[in-house]
Amino acid sequence: IPLFSIDGPVTVEMSFNTTGFAENAAILPIVDQIDP
């Protein structure tokens, strides 16, 4: 099993159970809310 690594910049997408959690997370300037 080869070693696994992720190099360079990454784009992360996170889905939450509720829209309120996503709205809370989107308060940070680096975070964009892409759907509810």
PDB file of all heavy atoms in Angstrom:
ATOM      1  N   ILE A   1       0.861  -1.181   0.000  1.00  0.00           N
ATOM      2  CA  ILE A   1       0.000   0.000   0.000  1.00  0.00           C
ATOM      3  C   ILE A   1       0.899   1.233   0.000  1.00  0.00           C
ATOM      4  O   ILE A   1       1.621   1.489   0.966  1.00  0.00           O
ATOM      5  CB  ILE A   1      -0.940   0.006   1.223  1.00  0.00           C
ATOM      6  CG1 ILE A   1      -1.808  -1.258   1.219  1.00  0.00           C
ATOM      7  CG2 ILE A   1      -1.804   1.256   1.236  1.00  0.00           C
ATOM      8  CD1 ILE A   1      -2.646  -1.458   2.468  1.00  0.00           C
ATOM      9  N   PRO A   2       0.869   2.018  -1.083  1.00  0.00           N
ATOM     10  CA  PRO A   2       1.746   3.183  -1.153  1.00  0.00           C
ATOM     11  C   PRO A   2       1.324   4.271  -0.164  1.00  0.00           C
ATOM     12  O   PRO A   2       0.148   4.375   0.188  1.00  0.00           O
ATOM     13  CB  PRO A   2       1.584   3.664  -2.597  1.00  0.00           C
ATOM     14  CG  PRO A   2       0.250   3.163  -3.016  1.00  0.00           C
ATOM     15  CD  PRO A   2       0.020   1.890  -2.263  1.00  0.00           C
ATOM     16  N   LEU A   3       2.298   5.053   0.288  1.00  0.00           N
ATOM     17  CA  LEU A   3       1.998   6.194   1.142  1.00  0.00           C
ATOM     18  C   LEU A   3       1.142   7.181   0.353  1.00  0.00           C
ATOM     19  O   LEU A   3       1.338   7.388  -0.844  1.00  0.00           O
ATOM     20  CB  LEU A   3       3.282   6.873   1.612  1.00  0.00           C
ATOM     21  CG  LEU A   3       4.170   6.045   2.530  1.00  0.00           C
ATOM     22  CD1 LEU A   3       5.433   6.819   2.858  1.00  0.00           C
ATOM     23  CD2 LEU A   3       3.431   5.654   3.797  1.00  0.00           C
ATOM     24  N   PHE A   4       0.201   7.776   1.033  1.00  0.00           N
ATOM     25  CA  PHE A   4      -0.701   8.725   0.385  1.00  0.00           C
ATOM     26  C   PHE A   4      -0.427  10.114   0.920  1.00  0.00           C
ATOM     27  O   PHE A   4      -0.305  10.314   2.126  1.00  0.00           O
ATOM     28  CB  PHE A   4      -2.161   8.344   0.670  1.00  0.00           C
ATOM     29  CG  PHE A   4      -3.143   9.259   0.026  1.00  0.00           C
ATOM     30  CD1 PHE A   4      -3.401   9.170  -1.329  1.00  0.00           C
ATOM     31  CD2 PHE A   4      -3.802  10.220   0.763  1.00  0.00           C
ATOM     32  CE1 PHE A   4      -4.311  10.010  -1.937  1.00  0.00           C
ATOM     33  CE2 PHE A   4      -4.707  11.077   0.168  1.00  0.00           C
ATOM     34  CZ  PHE A   4      -4.964  10.969  -1.188  1.00  0.00           C
ATOM     35  N   SER A   5      -0.298  11.077   0.034  1.00  0.00           N
ATOM     36  CA  SER A   5      -0.114  12.461   0.463  1.00  0.00           C
ATOM     37  C   SER A   5      -0.908  13.383  -0.448  1.00  0.00           C
ATOM     38  O   SER A   5      -1.193  13.048  -1.597  1.00  0.00           O
ATOM     39  CB  SER A   5       1.364  12.849   0.452  1.00  0.00           C
ATOM     40  OG  SER A   5       1.849  12.862  -0.869  1.00  0.00           O
ATOM     41  N   ILE A   6      -1.261  14.512   0.106  1.00  0.00           N
ATOM     42  CA  ILE A   6      -1.973  15.551  -0.644  1.00  0.00           C
ATOM     43  C   ILE A   6      -1.058  16.764  -0.663  1.00  0.00           C
ATOM     44  O   ILE A   6      -0.769  17.339   0.388  1.00  0.00           O
ATOM     45  CB  ILE A   6      -3.324  15.886   0.007  1.00  0.00           C
ATOM     46  CG1 ILE A   6      -4.207  14.637   0.042  1.00  0.00           C
ATOM     47  CG2 ILE A   6      -4.011  17.019  -0.730  1.00  0.00           C
ATOM     48  CD1 ILE A   6      -5.501  14.799   0.801  1.00  0.00           C
ATOM     49  N   ASP A   7      -0.583  17.119  -1.832  1.00  0.00           N
ATOM     50  CA  ASP A   7       0.358  18.227  -1.966  1.00  0.00           C
ATOM     51  C   ASP A   7      -0.353  19.487  -2.434  1.00  0.00           C
ATOM     52  O   ASP A   7      -1.367  19.430  -3.127  1.00  0.00           O
ATOM     53  CB  ASP A   7       1.457  17.865  -2.966  1.00  0.00           C
ATOM     54  CG  ASP A   7       2.259  16.648  -2.517  1.00  0.00           C
ATOM     55  OD1 ASP A   7       2.544  16.555  -1.311  1.00  0.00           O
ATOM     56  OD2 ASP A   7       2.576  15.806  -3.372  1.00  0.00           O
ATOM     57  N   GLY A   8       0.230  20.623  -2.070  1.00  0.00           N
ATOM     58  CA  GLY A   8      -0.231  21.904  -2.587  1.00  0.00           C
ATOM     59  C   GLY A   8      -1.541  22.385  -2.001  1.00  0.00           C
ATOM     60  O   GLY A   8      -2.037  21.858  -1.014  1.00  0.00           O
ATOM     61  N   PRO A   9      -2.114  23.405  -2.621  1.00  0.00           N
ATOM     62  CA  PRO A   9      -3.362  23.985  -2.131  1.00  0.00           C
ATOM     63  C   PRO A   9      -4.520  22.994  -2.242  1.00  0.00           C
ATOM     64  O   PRO A   9      -4.525  22.120  -3.109  1.00  0.00           O
ATOM     65  CB  PRO A   9      -3.612  25.179  -3.051  1.00  0.00           C
ATOM     66  CG  PRO A   9      -2.410  25.344  -3.892  1.00  0.00           C
ATOM     67  CD  PRO A   9      -1.597  24.102  -3.788  1.00  0.00           C
ATOM     68  N   VAL A  10      -5.481  23.128  -1.339  1.00  0.00           N
ATOM     69  CA  VAL A  10      -6.659  22.272  -1.355  1.00  0.00           C
ATOM     70  C   VAL A  10      -7.920  23.125  -1.286  1.00  0.00           C
ATOM     71  O   VAL A  10      -7.913  24.215  -0.707  1.00  0.00           O
ATOM     72  CB  VAL A  10      -6.662  21.262  -0.181  1.00  0.00           C
ATOM     73  CG1 VAL A  10      -5.532  20.267  -0.322  1.00  0.00           C
ATOM     74  CG2 VAL A  10      -6.604  21.960   1.165  1.00  0.00           C
ATOM     75  N   THR A  11      -8.968  22.634  -1.896  1.00  0.00           N
ATOM     76  CA  THR A  11     -10.292  23.239  -1.767  1.00  0.00           C
ATOM     77  C   THR A  11     -11.132  22.264  -0.962  1.00  0.00           C
ATOM     78  O   THR A  11     -11.217  21.081  -1.295  1.00  0.00           O
ATOM     79  CB  THR A  11     -10.932  23.473  -3.142  1.00  0.00           C
ATOM     80  OG1 THR A  11     -10.096  24.368  -3.886  1.00  0.00           O
ATOM     81  CG2 THR A  11     -12.320  24.057  -3.010  1.00  0.00           C
ATOM     82  N   VAL A  12     -11.725  22.762   0.111  1.00  0.00           N
ATOM     83  CA  VAL A  12     -12.510  21.923   1.010  1.00  0.00           C
ATOM     84  C   VAL A  12     -13.977  22.314   0.891  1.00  0.00           C
ATOM     85  O   VAL A  12     -14.314  23.494   0.875  1.00  0.00           O
ATOM     86  CB  VAL A  12     -12.040  22.080   2.474  1.00  0.00           C
ATOM     87  CG1 VAL A  12     -12.907  21.273   3.425  1.00  0.00           C
ATOM     88  CG2 VAL A  12     -10.576  21.698   2.613  1.00  0.00           C
ATOM     89  N   GLU A  13     -14.837  21.300   0.808  1.00  0.00           N
ATOM     90  CA  GLU A  13     -16.279  21.514   0.815  1.00  0.00           C
ATOM     91  C   GLU A  13     -16.846  20.728   1.988  1.00  0.00           C
ATOM     92  O   GLU A  13     -16.574  19.538   2.128  1.00  0.00           O
ATOM     93  CB  GLU A  13     -16.880  21.027  -0.495  1.00  0.00           C
ATOM     94  CG  GLU A  13     -18.353  21.311  -0.627  1.00  0.00           C
ATOM     95  CD  GLU A  13     -18.893  20.917  -1.991  1.00  0.00           C
ATOM     96  OE1 GLU A  13     -18.377  21.441  -3.001  1.00  0.00           O
ATOM     97  OE2 GLU A  13     -19.814  20.081  -2.028  1.00  0.00           O
ATOM     98  N   MET A  14     -17.599  21.407   2.839  1.00  0.00           N
ATOM     99  CA  MET A  14     -18.173  20.775   4.028  1.00  0.00           C
ATOM    100  C   MET A  14     -19.687  20.907   3.995  1.00  0.00           C
ATOM    101  O   MET A  14     -20.204  21.990   3.764  1.00  0.00           O
ATOM    102  CB  MET A  14     -17.659  21.452   5.302  1.00  0.00           C
ATOM    103  CG  MET A  14     -16.189  21.293   5.555  1.00  0.00           C
ATOM    104  SD  MET A  14     -15.631  22.190   7.040  1.00  0.00           S
ATOM    105  CE  MET A  14     -16.485  21.325   8.340  1.00  0.00           C
ATOM    106  N   SER A  15     -20.367  19.805   4.245  1.00  0.00           N
ATOM    107  CA  SER A  15     -21.821  19.822   4.355  1.00  0.00           C
ATOM    108  C   SER A  15     -22.200  19.594   5.809  1.00  0.00           C
ATOM    109  O   SER A  15     -21.652  18.706   6.465  1.00  0.00           O
ATOM    110  CB  SER A  15     -22.441  18.728   3.492  1.00  0.00           C
ATOM    111  OG  SER A  15     -22.194  18.991   2.136  1.00  0.00           O
ATOM    112  N   PHE A  16     -23.144  20.389   6.297  1.00  0.00           N
ATOM    113  CA  PHE A  16     -23.602  20.281   7.677  1.00  0.00           C
ATOM    114  C   PHE A  16     -25.015  19.710   7.718  1.00  0.00           C
ATOM    115  O   PHE A  16     -25.729  19.726   6.718  1.00  0.00           O
ATOM    116  CB  PHE A  16     -23.576  21.665   8.344  1.00  0.00           C
ATOM    117  CG  PHE A  16     -22.189  22.210   8.530  1.00  0.00           C
ATOM    118  CD1 PHE A  16     -21.635  23.050   7.580  1.00  0.00           C
ATOM    119  CD2 PHE A  16     -21.433  21.881   9.645  1.00  0.00           C
ATOM    120  CE1 PHE A  16     -20.347  23.558   7.742  1.00  0.00           C
ATOM    121  CE2 PHE A  16     -20.156  22.380   9.811  1.00  0.00           C
ATOM    122  CZ  PHE A  16     -19.611  23.225   8.866  1.00  0.00           C
ATOM    123  N   ASN A  17     -25.420  19.222   8.889  1.00  0.00           N
ATOM    124  CA  ASN A  17     -26.748  18.645   9.057  1.00  0.00           C
ATOM    125  C   ASN A  17     -27.857  19.687   8.994  1.00  0.00           C
ATOM    126  O   ASN A  17     -28.984  19.360   8.663  1.00  0.00           O
ATOM    127  CB  ASN A  17     -26.852  17.892  10.384  1.00  0.00           C
ATOM    128  CG  ASN A  17     -26.023  16.634  10.378  1.00  0.00           C
ATOM    129  OD1 ASN A  17     -25.698  16.103   9.334  1.00  0.00           O
ATOM    130  ND2 ASN A  17     -25.685  16.152  11.557  1.00  0.00           N
ATOM    131  N   THR A  18     -27.530  20.910   9.376  1.00  0.00           N
ATOM    132  CA  THR A  18     -28.544  21.959   9.380  1.00  0.00           C
ATOM    133  C   THR A  18     -28.010  23.214   8.698  1.00  0.00           C
ATOM    134  O   THR A  18     -26.797  23.440   8.638  1.00  0.00           O
ATOM    135  CB  THR A  18     -28.972  22.346  10.814  1.00  0.00           C
ATOM    136  OG1 THR A  18     -27.887  23.021  11.453  1.00  0.00           O
ATOM    137  CG2 THR A  18     -29.363  21.126  11.634  1.00  0.00           C
ATOM    138  N   THR A  19     -28.922  24.011   8.218  1.00  0.00           N
ATOM    139  CA  THR A  19     -28.522  25.268   7.575  1.00  0.00           C
ATOM    140  C   THR A  19     -27.904  26.224   8.581  1.00  0.00           C
ATOM    141  O   THR A  19     -27.010  26.994   8.239  1.00  0.00           O
ATOM    142  CB  THR A  19     -29.735  25.931   6.898  1.00  0.00           C
ATOM    143  OG1 THR A  19     -30.762  26.148   7.873  1.00  0.00           O
ATOM    144  CG2 THR A  19     -30.274  25.070   5.779  1.00  0.00           C
ATOM    145  N   GLY A  20     -28.349  26.160   9.835  1.00  0.00           N
ATOM    146  CA  GLY A  20     -27.795  27.034  10.867  1.00  0.00           C
ATOM    147  C   GLY A  20     -26.318  26.792  11.086  1.00  0.00           C
ATOM    148  O   GLY A  20     -25.545  27.738  11.279  1.00  0.00           O
ATOM    149  N   PHE A  21     -25.886  25.515  11.049  1.00  0.00           N
ATOM    150  CA  PHE A  21     -24.459  25.212  11.210  1.00  0.00           C
ATOM    151  C   PHE A  21     -23.653  25.813  10.065  1.00  0.00           C
ATOM    152  O   PHE A  21     -22.574  26.368  10.262  1.00  0.00           O
ATOM    153  CB  PHE A  21     -24.235  23.705  11.272  1.00  0.00           C
ATOM    154  CG  PHE A  21     -24.710  23.046  12.532  1.00  0.00           C
ATOM    155  CD1 PHE A  21     -24.766  21.672  12.618  1.00  0.00           C
ATOM    156  CD2 PHE A  21     -25.102  23.781  13.640  1.00  0.00           C
ATOM    157  CE1 PHE A  21     -25.200  21.031  13.771  1.00  0.00           C
ATOM    158  CE2 PHE A  21     -25.539  23.166  14.808  1.00  0.00           C
ATOM    159  CZ  PHE A  21     -25.591  21.785  14.871  1.00  0.00           C
ATOM    160  N   ALA A  22     -24.164  25.688   8.848  1.00  0.00           N
ATOM    161  CA  ALA A  22     -23.464  26.247   7.684  1.00  0.00           C
ATOM    162  C   ALA A  22     -23.395  27.766   7.787  1.00  0.00           C
ATOM    163  O   ALA A  22     -22.369  28.366   7.473  1.00  0.00           O
ATOM    164  CB  ALA A  22     -24.153  25.819   6.396  1.00  0.00           C
ATOM    165  N   GLU A  23     -24.480  28.389   8.230  1.00  0.00           N
ATOM    166  CA  GLU A  23     -24.482  29.852   8.389  1.00  0.00           C
ATOM    167  C   GLU A  23     -23.471  30.284   9.440  1.00  0.00           C
ATOM    168  O   GLU A  23     -22.767  31.291   9.261  1.00  0.00           O
ATOM    169  CB  GLU A  23     -25.885  30.330   8.754  1.00  0.00           C
ATOM    170  CG  GLU A  23     -26.865  30.192   7.616  1.00  0.00           C
ATOM    171  CD  GLU A  23     -28.314  30.371   8.047  1.00  0.00           C
ATOM    172  OE1 GLU A  23     -28.565  30.635   9.247  1.00  0.00           O
ATOM    173  OE2 GLU A  23     -29.190  30.231   7.175  1.00  0.00           O
ATOM    174  N   ASN A  24     -23.370  29.534  10.537  1.00  0.00           N
ATOM    175  CA  ASN A  24     -22.377  29.851  11.563  1.00  0.00           C
ATOM    176  C   ASN A  24     -20.960  29.714  11.020  1.00  0.00           C
ATOM    177  O   ASN A  24     -20.103  30.556  11.275  1.00  0.00           O
ATOM    178  CB  ASN A  24     -22.543  28.935  12.775  1.00  0.00           C
ATOM    179  CG  ASN A  24     -23.804  29.208  13.553  1.00  0.00           C
ATOM    180  OD1 ASN A  24     -24.447  30.229  13.368  1.00  0.00           O
ATOM    181  ND2 ASN A  24     -24.172  28.279  14.412  1.00  0.00           N
ATOM    182  N   ALA A  25     -20.698  28.664  10.264  1.00  0.00           N
ATOM    183  CA  ALA A  25     -19.366  28.443   9.701  1.00  0.00           C
ATOM    184  C   ALA A  25     -19.000  29.538   8.705  1.00  0.00           C
ATOM    185  O   ALA A  25     -17.842  29.945   8.616  1.00  0.00           O
ATOM    186  CB  ALA A  25     -19.300  27.075   9.021  1.00  0.00           C
ATOM    187  N   ALA A  26     -19.981  30.024   7.964  1.00  0.00           N
ATOM    188  CA  ALA A  26     -19.730  31.017   6.916  1.00  0.00           C
ATOM    189  C   ALA A  26     -19.398  32.395   7.461  1.00  0.00           C
ATOM    190  O   ALA A  26     -19.122  33.312   6.685  1.00  0.00           O
ATOM    191  CB  ALA A  26     -20.932  31.096   5.982  1.00  0.00           C
ATOM    192  N   ILE A  27     -19.367  32.540   8.769  1.00  0.00           N
ATOM    193  CA  ILE A  27     -19.012  33.837   9.347  1.00  0.00           C
ATOM    194  C   ILE A  27     -17.544  34.176   9.112  1.00  0.00           C
ATOM    195  O   ILE A  27     -17.167  35.343   9.064  1.00  0.00           O
ATOM    196  CB  ILE A  27     -19.373  33.891  10.849  1.00  0.00           C
ATOM    197  CG1 ILE A  27     -19.445  35.335  11.314  1.00  0.00           C
ATOM    198  CG2 ILE A  27     -18.402  33.092  11.679  1.00  0.00           C
ATOM    199  CD1 ILE A  27     -20.235  35.540  12.568  1.00  0.00           C
ATOM    200  N   LEU A  28     -16.705  33.147   8.918  1.00  0.00           N
ATOM    201  CA  LEU A  28     -15.288  33.410   8.646  1.00  0.00           C
ATOM    202  C   LEU A  28     -15.118  33.953   7.235  1.00  0.00           C
ATOM    203  O   LEU A  28     -15.736  33.448   6.292  1.00  0.00           O
ATOM    204  CB  LEU A  28     -14.456  32.131   8.798  1.00  0.00           C
ATOM    205  CG  LEU A  28     -14.252  31.606  10.205  1.00  0.00           C
ATOM    206  CD1 LEU A  28     -13.406  30.346  10.170  1.00  0.00           C
ATOM    207  CD2 LEU A  28     -13.611  32.642  11.097  1.00  0.00           C
ATOM    208  N   PRO A  29     -14.267  34.950   7.054  1.00  0.00           N
ATOM    209  CA  PRO A  29     -14.095  35.564   5.726  1.00  0.00           C
ATOM    210  C   PRO A  29     -13.601  34.613   4.636  1.00  0.00           C
ATOM    211  O   PRO A  29     -13.898  34.826   3.471  1.00  0.00           O
ATOM    212  CB  PRO A  29     -13.058  36.672   5.968  1.00  0.00           C
ATOM    213  CG  PRO A  29     -13.042  36.909   7.425  1.00  0.00           C
ATOM    214  CD  PRO A  29     -13.486  35.632   8.078  1.00  0.00           C
ATOM    215  N   ILE A  30     -12.883  33.558   5.012  1.00  0.00           N
ATOM    216  CA  ILE A  30     -12.379  32.641   3.975  1.00  0.00           C
ATOM    217  C   ILE A  30     -13.424  31.634   3.516  1.00  0.00           C
ATOM    218  O   ILE A  30     -13.202  30.885   2.570  1.00  0.00           O
ATOM    219  CB  ILE A  30     -11.126  31.869   4.460  1.00  0.00           C
ATOM    220  CG1 ILE A  30     -11.471  30.929   5.596  1.00  0.00           C
ATOM    221  CG2 ILE A  30     -10.000  32.795   4.820  1.00  0.00           C
ATOM    222  CD1 ILE A  30     -10.558  29.734   5.656  1.00  0.00           C
ATOM    223  N   VAL A  31     -14.569  31.581   4.205  1.00  0.00           N
ATOM    224  CA  VAL A  31     -15.589  30.567   3.943  1.00  0.00           C
ATOM    225  C   VAL A  31     -16.707  31.143   3.097  1.00  0.00           C
ATOM    226  O   VAL A  31     -17.227  32.222   3.382  1.00  0.00           O
ATOM    227  CB  VAL A  31     -16.151  30.008   5.270  1.00  0.00           C
ATOM    228  CG1 VAL A  31     -17.263  28.998   5.013  1.00  0.00           C
ATOM    229  CG2 VAL A  31     -15.032  29.380   6.102  1.00  0.00           C
ATOM    230  N   ASP A  32     -17.087  30.415   2.041  1.00  0.00           N
ATOM    231  CA  ASP A  32     -18.235  30.777   1.208  1.00  0.00           C
ATOM    232  C   ASP A  32     -19.327  29.744   1.404  1.00  0.00           C
ATOM    233  O   ASP A  32     -19.056  28.538   1.349  1.00  0.00           O
ATOM    234  CB  ASP A  32     -17.847  30.805  -0.276  1.00  0.00           C
ATOM    235  CG  ASP A  32     -16.881  31.924  -0.595  1.00  0.00           C
ATOM    236  OD1 ASP A  32     -17.086  33.050  -0.115  1.00  0.00           O
ATOM    237  OD2 ASP A  32     -15.903  31.660  -1.325  1.00  0.00           O
ATOM    238  N   GLN A  33     -20.553  30.220   1.611  1.00  0.00           N
ATOM    239  CA  GLN A  33     -21.685  29.308   1.713  1.00  0.00           C
ATOM    240  C   GLN A  33     -22.226  29.112   0.304  1.00  0.00           C
ATOM    241  O   GLN A  33     -22.685  30.048  -0.336  1.00  0.00           O
ATOM    242  CB  GLN A  33     -22.756  29.889   2.637  1.00  0.00           C
ATOM    243  CG  GLN A  33     -23.844  28.912   2.954  1.00  0.00           C
ATOM    244  CD  GLN A  33     -24.750  29.393   4.074  1.00  0.00           C
ATOM    245  OE1 GLN A  33     -24.519  30.428   4.689  1.00  0.00           O
ATOM    246  NE2 GLN A  33     -25.785  28.612   4.357  1.00  0.00           N
ATOM    247  N   ILE A  34     -22.155  27.870  -0.206  1.00  0.00           N
ATOM    248  CA  ILE A  34     -22.520  27.619  -1.598  1.00  0.00           C
ATOM    249  C   ILE A  34     -23.937  27.078  -1.761  1.00  0.00           C
ATOM    250  O   ILE A  34     -24.460  27.065  -2.873  1.00  0.00           O
ATOM    251  CB  ILE A  34     -21.503  26.690  -2.294  1.00  0.00           C
ATOM    252  CG1 ILE A  34     -21.381  25.349  -1.572  1.00  0.00           C
ATOM    253  CG2 ILE A  34     -20.151  27.383  -2.408  1.00  0.00           C
ATOM    254  CD1 ILE A  34     -20.517  24.334  -2.313  1.00  0.00           C
ATOM    255  N   ASP A  35     -24.534  26.619  -0.685  1.00  0.00           N
ATOM    256  CA  ASP A  35     -25.953  26.276  -0.674  1.00  0.00           C
ATOM    257  C   ASP A  35     -26.392  26.310   0.790  1.00  0.00           C
ATOM    258  O   ASP A  35     -25.569  26.567   1.669  1.00  0.00           O
ATOM    259  CB  ASP A  35     -26.256  24.953  -1.398  1.00  0.00           C
ATOM    260  CG  ASP A  35     -25.784  23.701  -0.691  1.00  0.00           C
ATOM    261  OD1 ASP A  35     -25.780  23.653   0.559  1.00  0.00           O
ATOM    262  OD2 ASP A  35     -25.422  22.742  -1.390  1.00  0.00           O
ATOM    263  N   PRO A  36     -27.645  26.088   1.097  1.00  0.00           N
ATOM    264  CA  PRO A  36     -28.098  26.270   2.483  1.00  0.00           C
ATOM    265  C   PRO A  36     -27.337  25.490   3.542  1.00  0.00           C
ATOM    266  O   PRO A  36     -27.190  25.969   4.667  1.00  0.00           O
ATOM    267  CB  PRO A  36     -29.570  25.837   2.429  1.00  0.00           C
ATOM    268  CG  PRO A  36     -29.989  26.127   1.029  1.00  0.00           C
ATOM    269  CD  PRO A  36     -28.778  25.814   0.193  1.00  0.00           C
TER     270      PRO A  36
END
